PDB file of N, CA and C in Angstrom:
ATOM      1  N   MET A   1     -73.944  56.791  93.669  1.00  0.00           N
ATOM      2  CA  MET A   1     -73.164  57.836  92.864  1.00  0.00           C
ATOM      3  C   MET A   1     -72.783  58.593  94.103  1.00  0.00           C
ATOM      4  N   PRO A   2     -71.341  58.443  94.151  1.00  0.00           N
ATOM      5  CA  PRO A   2     -70.851  59.284  95.031  1.00  0.00           C
ATOM      6  C   PRO A   2     -71.603  60.881  95.102  1.00  0.00           C
ATOM      7  N   ASP A   3     -71.113  61.574  96.407  1.00  0.00           N
ATOM      8  CA  ASP A   3     -71.405  62.908  96.454  1.00  0.00           C
ATOM      9  C   ASP A   3     -71.127  63.751  95.254  1.00  0.00           C
ATOM     10  N   GLU A   4     -71.805  64.600  94.734  1.00  0.00           N
ATOM     11  CA  GLU A   4     -71.566  65.352  93.740  1.00  0.00           C
ATOM     12  C   GLU A   4     -70.806  66.591  93.954  1.00  0.00           C
ATOM     13  N   ASN A   5     -70.784  67.270  95.139  1.00  0.00           N
ATOM     14  CA  ASN A   5     -69.823  68.468  95.583  1.00  0.00           C
ATOM     15  C   ASN A   5     -68.630  67.431  95.779  1.00  0.00           C
ATOM     16  N   LEU A   6     -68.498  66.870  96.281  1.00  0.00           N
ATOM     17  CA  LEU A   6     -67.287  66.032  96.887  1.00  0.00           C
ATOM     18  C   LEU A   6     -66.481  65.413  95.426  1.00  0.00           C
ATOM     19  N   CYS A   7     -67.127  64.980  94.515  1.00  0.00           N
ATOM     20  CA  CYS A   7     -66.211  64.998  93.397  1.00  0.00           C
ATOM     21  C   CYS A   7     -65.943  65.862  92.671  1.00  0.00           C
ATOM     22  N   LYS A   8     -66.835  66.803  92.656  1.00  0.00           N
ATOM     23  CA  LYS A   8     -66.752  68.205  91.970  1.00  0.00           C
ATOM     24  C   LYS A   8     -65.280  68.757  92.366  1.00  0.00           C
ATOM     25  N   SER A   9     -65.408  69.164  93.701  1.00  0.00           N
ATOM     26  CA  SER A   9     -64.291  69.552  94.722  1.00  0.00           C
ATOM     27  C   SER A   9     -62.781  68.507  94.096  1.00  0.00           C
ATOM     28  N   ARG A  10     -63.253  67.332  94.288  1.00  0.00           N
ATOM     29  CA  ARG A  10     -62.020  66.667  93.969  1.00  0.00           C
ATOM     30  C   ARG A  10     -61.075  66.724  92.652  1.00  0.00           C
ATOM     31  N   ALA A  11     -62.272  66.890  91.513  1.00  0.00           N
ATOM     32  CA  ALA A  11     -61.866  67.019  90.099  1.00  0.00           C
ATOM     33  C   ALA A  11     -61.174  68.550  90.121  1.00  0.00           C
ATOM     34  N   ARG A  12     -61.533  69.290  90.938  1.00  0.00           N
ATOM     35  CA  ARG A  12     -61.015  70.498  90.329  1.00  0.00           C
ATOM     36  C   ARG A  12     -59.747  70.897  91.129  1.00  0.00           C
ATOM     37  N   ARG A  13     -59.427  70.246  92.545  1.00  0.00           N
ATOM     38  CA  ARG A  13     -58.286  69.995  93.557  1.00  0.00           C
ATOM     39  C   ARG A  13     -56.943  69.108  92.711  1.00  0.00           C
ATOM     40  N   VAL A  14     -57.561  67.984  91.609  1.00  0.00           N
ATOM     41  CA  VAL A  14     -56.580  66.977  91.060  1.00  0.00           C
ATOM     42  C   VAL A  14     -56.092  68.035  89.799  1.00  0.00           C
ATOM     43  N   ARG A  15     -57.494  68.444  89.060  1.00  0.00           N
ATOM     44  CA  ARG A  15     -56.752  69.634  87.817  1.00  0.00           C
ATOM     45  C   ARG A  15     -55.769  70.654  88.416  1.00  0.00           C
ATOM     46  N   ASP A  16     -55.805  71.165  89.472  1.00  0.00           N
ATOM     47  CA  ASP A  16     -54.715  72.156  90.051  1.00  0.00           C
ATOM     48  C   ASP A  16     -53.636  71.370  90.239  1.00  0.00           C
ATOM     49  N   LEU A  17     -53.541  70.545  90.897  1.00  0.00           N
ATOM     50  CA  LEU A  17     -52.190  69.662  90.832  1.00  0.00           C
ATOM     51  C   LEU A  17     -51.711  69.544  89.485  1.00  0.00           C
ATOM     52  N   ALA A  18     -52.507  68.716  88.447  1.00  0.00           N
ATOM     53  CA  ALA A  18     -52.160  68.586  87.135  1.00  0.00           C
ATOM     54  C   ALA A  18     -51.191  69.686  86.389  1.00  0.00           C
ATOM     55  N   SER A  19     -51.807  71.037  86.765  1.00  0.00           N
ATOM     56  CA  SER A  19     -51.268  72.099  86.386  1.00  0.00           C
ATOM     57  C   SER A  19     -49.964  72.453  86.802  1.00  0.00           C
ATOM     58  N   ARG A  20     -49.386  71.797  87.967  1.00  0.00           N
ATOM     59  CA  ARG A  20     -48.304  72.175  88.305  1.00  0.00           C
ATOM     60  C   ARG A  20     -47.155  70.913  88.332  1.00  0.00           C
ATOM     61  N   ALA A  21     -47.445  69.865  87.592  1.00  0.00           N
ATOM     62  CA  ALA A  21     -47.204  68.618  87.845  1.00  0.00           C
ATOM     63  C   ALA A  21     -46.139  68.417  86.359  1.00  0.00           C
ATOM     64  N   ASP A  22     -45.298  67.391  86.513  1.00  0.00           N
ATOM     65  CA  ASP A  22     -44.546  66.998  85.027  1.00  0.00           C
ATOM     66  C   ASP A  22     -45.607  66.086  84.066  1.00  0.00           C
ATOM     67  N   PRO A  23     -45.084  65.942  82.910  1.00  0.00           N
ATOM     68  CA  PRO A  23     -45.878  65.348  82.131  1.00  0.00           C
ATOM     69  C   PRO A  23     -46.583  64.319  82.072  1.00  0.00           C
ATOM     70  N   PHE A  24     -45.758  63.132  82.712  1.00  0.00           N
ATOM     71  CA  PHE A  24     -46.187  61.929  82.894  1.00  0.00           C
ATOM     72  C   PHE A  24     -47.390  62.009  83.865  1.00  0.00           C
ATOM     73  N   THR A  25     -47.007  62.766  85.041  1.00  0.00           N
ATOM     74  CA  THR A  25     -47.783  62.664  86.191  1.00  0.00           C
ATOM     75  C   THR A  25     -49.410  63.656  85.854  1.00  0.00           C
ATOM     76  N   ARG A  26     -49.115  64.535  85.095  1.00  0.00           N
ATOM     77  CA  ARG A  26     -50.182  65.361  84.612  1.00  0.00           C
ATOM     78  C   ARG A  26     -51.107  64.697  83.962  1.00  0.00           C
ATOM     79  N   LYS A  27     -50.429  63.585  82.968  1.00  0.00           N
ATOM     80  CA  LYS A  27     -51.563  62.889  82.114  1.00  0.00           C
ATOM     81  C   LYS A  27     -52.654  61.940  83.000  1.00  0.00           C
ATOM     82  N   ARG A  28     -51.793  61.381  83.868  1.00  0.00           N
ATOM     83  CA  ARG A  28     -52.487  60.766  84.898  1.00  0.00           C
ATOM     84  C   ARG A  28     -53.594  61.494  85.688  1.00  0.00           C
ATOM     85  N   LEU A  29     -53.041  62.550  86.409  1.00  0.00           N
ATOM     86  CA  LEU A  29     -53.978  63.328  87.344  1.00  0.00           C
ATOM     87  C   LEU A  29     -55.317  63.941  86.367  1.00  0.00           C
ATOM     88  N   LEU A  30     -54.773  64.049  85.171  1.00  0.00           N
ATOM     89  CA  LEU A  30     -56.396  64.513  84.169  1.00  0.00           C
ATOM     90  C   LEU A  30     -57.151  63.377  84.225  1.00  0.00           C
ATOM     91  N   ALA A  31     -56.781  62.358  83.916  1.00  0.00           N
ATOM     92  CA  ALA A  31     -57.361  60.922  83.799  1.00  0.00           C
ATOM     93  C   ALA A  31     -58.227  60.830  84.770  1.00  0.00           C
ATOM     94  N   LEU A  32     -57.636  60.520  86.070  1.00  0.00           N
ATOM     95  CA  LEU A  32     -58.444  60.950  87.458  1.00  0.00           C
ATOM     96  C   LEU A  32     -59.293  62.000  87.293  1.00  0.00           C
ATOM     97  N   ALA A  33     -59.015  62.908  87.107  1.00  0.00           N
ATOM     98  CA  ALA A  33     -60.172  64.148  87.460  1.00  0.00           C
ATOM     99  C   ALA A  33     -61.279  63.833  86.116  1.00  0.00           C
ATOM    100  N   ASP A  34     -60.864  63.369  85.028  1.00  0.00           N
ATOM    101  CA  ASP A  34     -62.276  62.889  84.265  1.00  0.00           C
ATOM    102  C   ASP A  34     -63.294  61.715  85.144  1.00  0.00           C
ATOM    103  N   ARG A  35     -62.354  60.951  85.567  1.00  0.00           N
ATOM    104  CA  ARG A  35     -63.150  59.847  86.230  1.00  0.00           C
ATOM    105  C   ARG A  35     -63.881  60.436  87.417  1.00  0.00           C
ATOM    106  N   TYR A  36     -63.533  61.250  88.263  1.00  0.00           N
ATOM    107  CA  TYR A  36     -64.321  61.972  89.443  1.00  0.00           C
ATOM    108  C   TYR A  36     -65.441  62.802  88.500  1.00  0.00           C
ATOM    109  N   GLU A  37     -65.350  63.531  87.225  1.00  0.00           N
ATOM    110  CA  GLU A  37     -66.485  63.858  86.564  1.00  0.00           C
ATOM    111  C   GLU A  37     -67.352  63.161  85.947  1.00  0.00           C
ATOM    112  N   ALA A  38     -66.741  62.004  85.441  1.00  0.00           N
ATOM    113  CA  ALA A  38     -67.992  61.125  84.858  1.00  0.00           C
ATOM    114  C   ALA A  38     -68.621  60.451  86.191  1.00  0.00           C
ATOM    115  N   ALA A  39     -68.104  59.977  87.501  1.00  0.00           N
ATOM    116  CA  ALA A  39     -68.935  60.003  88.504  1.00  0.00           C
ATOM    117  C   ALA A  39     -70.336  60.649  88.799  1.00  0.00           C
ATOM    118  N   VAL A  40     -69.882  61.806  88.644  1.00  0.00           N
ATOM    119  CA  VAL A  40     -71.113  63.520  88.833  1.00  0.00           C
ATOM    120  C   VAL A  40     -72.213  62.678  87.508  1.00  0.00           C
ATOM    121  N   ALA A  41     -71.918  62.460  86.480  1.00  0.00           N
ATOM    122  CA  ALA A  41     -72.591  62.714  85.154  1.00  0.00           C
ATOM    123  C   ALA A  41     -73.137  61.444  85.402  1.00  0.00           C
ATOM    124  N   GLY A  42     -72.930  60.157  85.875  1.00  0.00           N
ATOM    125  CA  GLY A  42     -73.275  59.260  86.041  1.00  0.00           C
ATOM    126  C   GLY A  42     -73.271  58.155  84.856  1.00  0.00           C
ATOM    127  N   PRO A  43     -73.541  56.935  84.995  1.00  0.00           N
ATOM    128  CA  PRO A  43     -73.143  55.892  83.802  1.00  0.00           C
ATOM    129  C   PRO A  43     -73.844  56.416  82.483  1.00  0.00           C
ATOM    130  N   PRO A  44     -73.089  55.935  81.272  1.00  0.00           N
ATOM    131  CA  PRO A  44     -73.718  56.505  80.084  1.00  0.00           C
ATOM    132  C   PRO A  44     -75.019  55.782  79.880  1.00  0.00           C
ATOM    133  N   ASP A  45     -75.562  56.221  78.693  1.00  0.00           N
ATOM    134  CA  ASP A  45     -76.874  55.657  78.392  1.00  0.00           C
ATOM    135  C   ASP A  45     -76.893  54.242  77.807  1.00  0.00           C
ATOM    136  N   ALA A  46     -77.449  53.281  78.325  1.00  0.00           N
ATOM    137  CA  ALA A  46     -77.477  52.147  77.396  1.00  0.00           C
ATOM    138  C   ALA A  46     -78.427  51.988  76.395  1.00  0.00           C
ATOM    139  N   ALA A  47     -78.236  51.279  75.402  1.00  0.00           N
ATOM    140  CA  ALA A  47     -78.900  51.188  74.243  1.00  0.00           C
ATOM    141  C   ALA A  47     -80.119  50.594  74.600  1.00  0.00           C
ATOM    142  N   PRO A  48     -81.280  50.866  73.988  1.00  0.00           N
ATOM    143  CA  PRO A  48     -82.723  50.409  74.266  1.00  0.00           C
ATOM    144  C   PRO A  48     -82.988  49.329  73.953  1.00  0.00           C
ATOM    145  N   HIS A  49     -83.593  48.524  74.810  1.00  0.00           N
ATOM    146  CA  HIS A  49     -83.898  46.682  74.538  1.00  0.00           C
ATOM    147  C   HIS A  49     -85.225  46.915  73.896  1.00  0.00           C
ATOM    148  N   ALA A  50     -85.457  45.819  73.054  1.00  0.00           N
ATOM    149  CA  ALA A  50     -86.748  45.936  72.652  1.00  0.00           C
ATOM    150  C   ALA A  50     -87.251  44.762  73.737  1.00  0.00           C
ATOM    151  N   VAL A  51     -88.682  45.032  73.747  1.00  0.00           N
ATOM    152  CA  VAL A  51     -89.334  44.489  74.760  1.00  0.00           C
ATOM    153  C   VAL A  51     -90.690  43.919  74.262  1.00  0.00           C
ATOM    154  N   VAL A  52     -90.865  42.748  74.425  1.00  0.00           N
ATOM    155  CA  VAL A  52     -91.941  41.748  73.636  1.00  0.00           C
ATOM    156  C   VAL A  52     -92.564  41.301  74.895  1.00  0.00           C
ATOM    157  N   THR A  53     -94.025  41.652  74.911  1.00  0.00           N
ATOM    158  CA  THR A  53     -94.610  40.905  75.902  1.00  0.00           C
ATOM    159  C   THR A  53     -95.718  39.973  75.430  1.00  0.00           C
ATOM    160  N   ALA A  54     -96.262  39.187  75.905  1.00  0.00           N
ATOM    161  CA  ALA A  54     -97.033  38.348  75.523  1.00  0.00           C
ATOM    162  C   ALA A  54     -98.383  38.150  76.363  1.00  0.00           C
ATOM    163  N   THR A  55     -99.421  38.473  75.918  1.00  0.00           N
ATOM    164  CA  THR A  55    -100.605  38.033  76.886  1.00  0.00           C
ATOM    165  C   THR A  55    -101.313  36.640  77.001  1.00  0.00           C
ATOM    166  N   THR A  56    -101.225  36.353  75.777  1.00  0.00           N
ATOM    167  CA  THR A  56    -101.817  34.802  75.454  1.00  0.00           C
ATOM    168  C   THR A  56    -100.517  33.804  74.711  1.00  0.00           C
ATOM    169  N   SER A  57    -101.052  32.535  74.993  1.00  0.00           N
ATOM    170  CA  SER A  57     -99.896  31.552  74.264  1.00  0.00           C
ATOM    171  C   SER A  57     -99.872  31.746  72.830  1.00  0.00           C
ATOM    172  N   GLU A  58    -101.107  32.233  72.180  1.00  0.00           N
ATOM    173  CA  GLU A  58    -101.283  32.616  71.069  1.00  0.00           C
ATOM    174  C   GLU A  58    -100.139  33.549  70.389  1.00  0.00           C
ATOM    175  N   ASP A  59    -100.167  34.758  71.186  1.00  0.00           N
ATOM    176  CA  ASP A  59     -99.435  36.026  70.998  1.00  0.00           C
ATOM    177  C   ASP A  59     -97.923  35.549  71.261  1.00  0.00           C
ATOM    178  N   ALA A  60     -97.526  34.856  72.291  1.00  0.00           N
ATOM    179  CA  ALA A  60     -96.436  34.230  72.365  1.00  0.00           C
ATOM    180  C   ALA A  60     -95.900  33.571  71.084  1.00  0.00           C
ATOM    181  N   GLN A  61     -96.522  32.488  70.505  1.00  0.00           N
ATOM    182  CA  GLN A  61     -96.081  31.840  69.219  1.00  0.00           C
ATOM    183  C   GLN A  61     -95.804  32.876  68.246  1.00  0.00           C
ATOM    184  N   ARG A  62     -96.972  33.982  68.194  1.00  0.00           N
ATOM    185  CA  ARG A  62     -96.744  34.678  66.660  1.00  0.00           C
ATOM    186  C   ARG A  62     -95.533  35.327  67.201  1.00  0.00           C
ATOM    187  N   ASN A  63     -95.428  36.039  68.239  1.00  0.00           N
ATOM    188  CA  ASN A  63     -93.904  36.947  68.490  1.00  0.00           C
ATOM    189  C   ASN A  63     -93.002  36.161  68.341  1.00  0.00           C
ATOM    190  N   HIS A  64     -92.949  34.873  68.353  1.00  0.00           N
ATOM    191  CA  HIS A  64     -91.572  34.107  68.188  1.00  0.00           C
ATOM    192  C   HIS A  64     -91.309  34.084  67.086  1.00  0.00           C
ATOM    193  N   PHE A  65     -91.963  34.385  65.665  1.00  0.00           N
ATOM    194  CA  PHE A  65     -91.475  34.562  64.462  1.00  0.00           C
ATOM    195  C   PHE A  65     -91.494  35.873  64.181  1.00  0.00           C
ATOM    196  N   THR A  66     -90.844  36.333  63.323  1.00  0.00           N
ATOM    197  CA  THR A  66     -90.708  37.550  62.969  1.00  0.00           C
ATOM    198  C   THR A  66     -91.530  38.210  62.074  1.00  0.00           C
ATOM    199  N   ASP A  67     -92.185  37.577  61.107  1.00  0.00           N
ATOM    200  CA  ASP A  67     -93.329  38.132  60.375  1.00  0.00           C
ATOM    201  C   ASP A  67     -94.713  37.249  61.006  1.00  0.00           C
ATOM    202  N   GLY A  68     -94.789  36.680  61.854  1.00  0.00           N
ATOM    203  CA  GLY A  68     -96.049  36.158  62.458  1.00  0.00           C
ATOM    204  C   GLY A  68     -96.226  35.293  61.912  1.00  0.00           C
ATOM    205  N   VAL A  69     -95.574  34.239  61.058  1.00  0.00           N
ATOM    206  CA  VAL A  69     -96.146  33.114  60.540  1.00  0.00           C
ATOM    207  C   VAL A  69     -95.187  32.274  60.819  1.00  0.00           C
ATOM    208  N   LYS A  70     -95.695  31.162  61.100  1.00  0.00           N
ATOM    209  CA  LYS A  70     -94.933  29.652  61.347  1.00  0.00           C
ATOM    210  C   LYS A  70     -94.246  29.712  60.092  1.00  0.00           C
ATOM    211  N   PRO A  71     -92.689  29.284  60.209  1.00  0.00           N
ATOM    212  CA  PRO A  71     -91.903  28.239  58.929  1.00  0.00           C
ATOM    213  C   PRO A  71     -92.853  27.031  58.703  1.00  0.00           C
ATOM    214  N   THR A  72     -92.750  26.672  57.411  1.00  0.00           N
ATOM    215  CA  THR A  72     -93.085  25.551  57.222  1.00  0.00           C
ATOM    216  C   THR A  72     -91.925  24.701  57.026  1.00  0.00           C
TER     217      THR A  72
END
């Protein structure tokens, strides 16, 4: 992650520049400031993954099927 103080400082400066820019440039500068702030916040949380661990081959076989019973 980039240095937090640097990203916050650049986001403030870019927002200040955007306040004095034409509409097209303002939109792009504000998007850039958002990216700097997102870098400080870090990546969004990922969806949790199901973790299945098996300690024996029997457990592995049972976990392979959703109801614990082999289909016939």
